[in-house]
Amino acid sequence: MKRIICTALFVALCMGLLTGCSKKTDVDTSTVFIEKKGNIVSVDVESLDKEYYDEEELEGYITQHVLDYADESGGDVEKVSFAVEEGTAKLQMKYGSYEDYSGFNGIEFYSGTVLTAQAQGYDFETGFYSVPDDLEEAKKSASKEDVLADDDSKVAVIKANVNVRVPGKVLFVSGEDTEVLDKNTVSITGSETAEEASLTYIVYK
């Protein structure tokens, strides 16, 4: 769950939720939401053994980790809510920036323009697929030149097995282990552990 009781536990739980708009974040799969203003909201959904984990102790550990992170880095991280119901834990978190999400969770993550991503060292050297308007159509390969044709396009780059929702229409996505669920949402479902997950690019406009 992502460093909550231990590192493995905490890695799963801190993929958080969005403040305020409950319908938008009413998900049953761990999801990262990229908002238009640049802040990040996450919802992490994880099965727990209620007999082994104490809910109050677990929530206290999360709260303390948030305080420790703020003290050590000066970052902007907020625990929105946490609850365990019928053996399922749901943690809602809000981050001031993608850097805060990455730093707090120990997950490689970038959000910005395609041009800025290249300046940050992301080379886009991977296999891409274009996303058709009709998601029932088969995926079609896209070249790196196609993906980089518009410097104003935005990109999310993440190394985790999680759903990602972007504030725009997904144009291209990398990786065999990705599925475009709707025009804004991509599911990354590699068979590896979170630590071994592939780096996934999601390009949108």
Protein backbone atom coordinates (compact mmCIF):
# COMPACT_ATOMS: atom_id res chain seq x y z
CA MET A 1 0.00 0.00 0.00
CA LYS A 2 2.87 2.35 -0.52
CA ARG A 3 4.83 2.83 2.69
CA ILE A 4 1.86 2.95 5.02
CA ILE A 5 2.61 -0.05 7.20
CA CYS A 6 5.57 -1.03 5.05
CA THR A 7 6.94 0.13 1.70
CA ALA A 8 5.02 -2.45 -0.32
CA LEU A 9 1.75 -1.58 1.41
CA PHE A 10 2.22 2.16 0.97
CA VAL A 11 3.06 1.83 -2.73
CA ALA A 12 -0.41 0.52 -3.35
CA LEU A 13 -2.46 2.90 -1.22
CA CYS A 14 -1.12 6.34 -2.12
CA MET A 15 -2.54 6.59 -5.61
CA GLY A 16 -5.28 8.84 -4.30
CA LEU A 17 -8.48 10.83 -5.06
CA LEU A 18 -9.88 14.19 -6.05
CA THR A 19 -11.23 16.86 -3.76
CA GLY A 20 -14.85 17.88 -3.96
CA CYS A 21 -16.21 16.22 -7.07
CA SER A 22 -17.28 12.84 -5.70
CA LYS A 23 -18.88 11.57 -8.91
CA LYS A 24 -15.72 12.21 -10.88
CA THR A 25 -13.66 10.21 -8.43
CA ASP A 26 -16.13 7.46 -7.66
CA VAL A 27 -13.81 4.76 -8.97
CA ASP A 28 -13.14 1.17 -7.98
CA THR A 29 -9.64 1.06 -9.47
CA SER A 30 -6.62 3.09 -8.36
CA THR A 31 -6.61 6.24 -10.50
CA VAL A 32 -4.41 9.32 -10.93
CA PHE A 33 -6.25 12.49 -12.01
CA ILE A 34 -4.29 15.29 -13.70
CA GLU A 35 -6.14 18.58 -13.30
CA LYS A 36 -6.00 21.55 -15.67
CA LYS A 37 -4.23 23.79 -13.17
CA GLY A 38 -1.40 21.29 -12.79
CA ASN A 39 -2.24 19.78 -9.42
CA ILE A 40 -2.67 16.04 -9.10
CA VAL A 41 -5.40 14.10 -7.35
CA SER A 42 -5.29 10.39 -6.75
CA VAL A 43 -7.64 7.68 -5.54
CA ASP A 44 -6.07 4.47 -4.35
CA VAL A 45 -8.28 1.42 -3.93
CA GLU A 46 -6.76 -1.59 -2.21
CA SER A 47 -8.04 -4.82 -0.67
CA LEU A 48 -7.05 -5.27 2.97
CA ASP A 49 -7.08 -8.06 5.48
CA LYS A 50 -9.17 -6.34 8.17
CA GLU A 51 -7.99 -8.84 10.78
CA TYR A 52 -4.36 -7.84 10.21
CA TYR A 53 -4.57 -4.07 9.65
CA ASP A 54 -6.01 -1.62 12.15
CA GLU A 55 -7.86 1.20 10.35
CA GLU A 56 -7.09 3.91 12.91
CA GLU A 57 -3.42 2.94 13.09
CA LEU A 58 -3.18 2.89 9.31
CA GLU A 59 -4.79 6.32 8.96
CA GLY A 60 -2.50 7.70 11.64
CA TYR A 61 0.51 6.43 9.73
CA ILE A 62 -0.72 8.10 6.54
CA THR A 63 -1.30 11.41 8.35
CA GLN A 64 2.17 11.30 9.89
CA HIS A 65 3.78 10.52 6.54
CA VAL A 66 2.06 13.57 5.01
CA LEU A 67 3.38 15.78 7.84
CA ASP A 68 6.88 14.33 7.53
CA TYR A 69 6.94 14.90 3.78
CA ALA A 70 5.83 18.52 4.15
CA ASP A 71 8.47 19.16 6.84
CA GLU A 72 11.28 17.54 4.85
CA SER A 73 10.51 18.85 1.36
CA GLY A 74 8.17 21.79 1.82
CA GLY A 75 5.87 20.08 -0.68
CA ASP A 76 2.12 20.45 -0.99
CA VAL A 77 0.41 17.17 -0.11
CA GLU A 78 -3.02 16.73 1.48
CA LYS A 79 -4.84 13.64 2.73
CA VAL A 80 -8.44 14.21 1.68
CA SER A 81 -9.99 11.09 3.19
CA PHE A 82 -9.35 7.50 4.12
CA ALA A 83 -11.79 4.69 4.86
CA VAL A 84 -11.95 0.92 4.97
CA GLU A 85 -15.27 -0.66 4.01
CA GLU A 86 -15.93 -4.37 3.54
CA GLY A 87 -12.23 -5.14 3.33
CA THR A 88 -11.46 -2.42 0.77
CA ALA A 89 -9.40 0.66 1.63
CA LYS A 90 -9.86 3.90 -0.30
CA LEU A 91 -7.39 6.72 0.14
CA GLN A 92 -7.95 10.18 -1.35
CA MET A 93 -4.91 12.43 -1.80
CA LYS A 94 -4.26 15.80 -3.41
CA TYR A 95 -0.85 17.06 -4.57
CA GLY A 96 0.18 20.58 -5.52
CA SER A 97 2.26 19.36 -8.47
CA TYR A 98 3.43 16.26 -10.28
CA GLU A 99 6.74 16.64 -8.43
CA ASP A 100 4.89 16.28 -5.11
CA TYR A 101 3.10 13.16 -6.34
CA SER A 102 6.37 11.66 -7.51
CA GLY A 103 8.31 12.59 -4.39
CA PHE A 104 5.67 11.48 -1.92
CA ASN A 105 4.98 8.13 -3.58
CA GLY A 106 8.45 7.32 -4.89
CA ILE A 107 7.03 6.84 -8.40
CA GLU A 108 8.51 8.31 -11.57
CA PHE A 109 5.92 10.73 -12.91
CA TYR A 110 5.89 13.78 -15.18
CA SER A 111 3.09 16.01 -16.42
CA GLY A 112 3.52 18.91 -18.85
CA THR A 113 4.02 19.74 -22.51
CA VAL A 114 5.72 17.42 -24.98
CA LEU A 115 8.39 20.07 -25.56
CA THR A 116 9.16 20.46 -21.86
CA ALA A 117 9.19 16.69 -21.40
CA GLN A 118 11.97 16.41 -23.97
CA ALA A 119 13.92 19.13 -22.16
CA GLN A 120 13.53 17.05 -18.99
CA GLY A 121 15.20 14.09 -20.71
CA TYR A 122 12.24 12.02 -21.90
CA ASP A 123 13.23 10.76 -25.36
CA PHE A 124 9.92 9.20 -26.48
CA GLU A 125 11.90 6.23 -27.79
CA THR A 126 9.19 3.61 -27.45
CA GLY A 127 6.33 2.12 -29.40
CA PHE A 128 3.27 4.35 -29.73
CA TYR A 129 -0.32 3.84 -30.85
CA SER A 130 -2.71 6.50 -32.11
CA VAL A 131 -6.09 6.66 -30.40
CA PRO A 132 -9.03 6.65 -32.83
CA ASP A 133 -12.23 8.56 -32.16
CA ASP A 134 -14.05 5.22 -32.15
CA LEU A 135 -12.36 3.24 -29.38
CA GLU A 136 -13.80 0.02 -30.81
CA GLU A 137 -11.38 0.31 -33.73
CA ALA A 138 -8.08 -1.56 -33.58
CA LYS A 139 -5.01 0.28 -32.33
CA LYS A 140 -2.70 1.62 -35.04
CA SER A 141 1.02 2.13 -34.67
CA ALA A 142 2.27 5.73 -34.67
CA SER A 143 5.77 7.03 -35.28
CA LYS A 144 7.78 9.16 -32.90
CA GLU A 145 7.56 11.94 -35.49
CA ASP A 146 3.74 11.77 -35.36
CA VAL A 147 3.77 11.98 -31.56
CA LEU A 148 6.18 14.94 -31.47
CA ALA A 149 4.61 16.85 -34.37
CA ASP A 150 2.82 19.32 -32.09
CA ASP A 151 5.00 20.87 -29.36
CA ASP A 152 1.89 22.19 -27.64
CA SER A 153 0.51 18.74 -27.02
CA LYS A 154 0.69 17.63 -23.40
CA VAL A 155 2.01 14.40 -21.99
CA ALA A 156 1.82 12.37 -18.82
CA VAL A 157 4.70 9.99 -18.20
CA ILE A 158 4.36 7.48 -15.39
CA LYS A 159 5.97 4.27 -14.20
CA ALA A 160 3.14 2.50 -12.41
CA ASN A 161 0.29 0.08 -13.01
CA VAL A 162 -2.64 2.45 -12.50
CA ASN A 163 -5.42 4.27 -14.35
CA VAL A 164 -4.58 7.81 -15.47
CA ARG A 165 -7.19 10.46 -16.32
CA VAL A 166 -6.01 13.55 -18.23
CA PRO A 167 -7.78 16.92 -18.78
CA GLY A 168 -8.02 16.49 -22.54
CA LYS A 169 -8.45 14.00 -25.37
CA VAL A 170 -5.87 11.22 -25.49
CA LEU A 171 -4.11 11.23 -28.88
CA PHE A 172 -1.30 8.70 -28.47
CA VAL A 173 -0.35 6.13 -25.87
CA SER A 174 2.69 3.91 -25.50
CA GLY A 175 3.00 0.30 -24.44
CA GLU A 176 1.33 -3.04 -25.06
CA ASP A 177 -0.10 -3.09 -21.53
CA THR A 178 -2.27 -0.01 -21.97
CA GLU A 179 -5.97 0.33 -22.74
CA VAL A 180 -7.82 3.56 -23.52
CA LEU A 181 -11.02 3.33 -21.47
CA ASP A 182 -12.53 6.58 -22.74
CA LYS A 183 -11.28 9.75 -24.43
CA ASN A 184 -9.66 10.95 -21.18
CA THR A 185 -8.63 7.77 -19.36
CA VAL A 186 -5.89 5.19 -19.90
CA SER A 187 -5.51 1.98 -17.94
CA ILE A 188 -1.98 0.65 -17.41
CA THR A 189 -2.11 -3.02 -16.47
CA GLY A 190 1.31 -4.58 -16.73
CA SER A 191 1.88 -7.98 -15.17
CA GLU A 192 4.93 -6.69 -13.30
CA THR A 193 5.02 -5.33 -9.77
CA ALA A 194 4.76 -1.56 -9.36
CA GLU A 195 8.54 -1.35 -9.04
CA GLU A 196 9.00 -3.18 -12.36
CA ALA A 197 6.29 -1.35 -14.27
CA SER A 198 7.15 0.10 -17.68
CA LEU A 199 7.42 3.81 -18.38
CA THR A 200 4.18 4.81 -20.09
CA TYR A 201 3.61 7.94 -22.19
CA ILE A 202 0.11 9.40 -22.58
CA VAL A 203 -0.06 12.26 -25.11
CA TYR A 204 -3.17 14.41 -25.17
CA LYS A 205 -4.51 17.78 -26.33
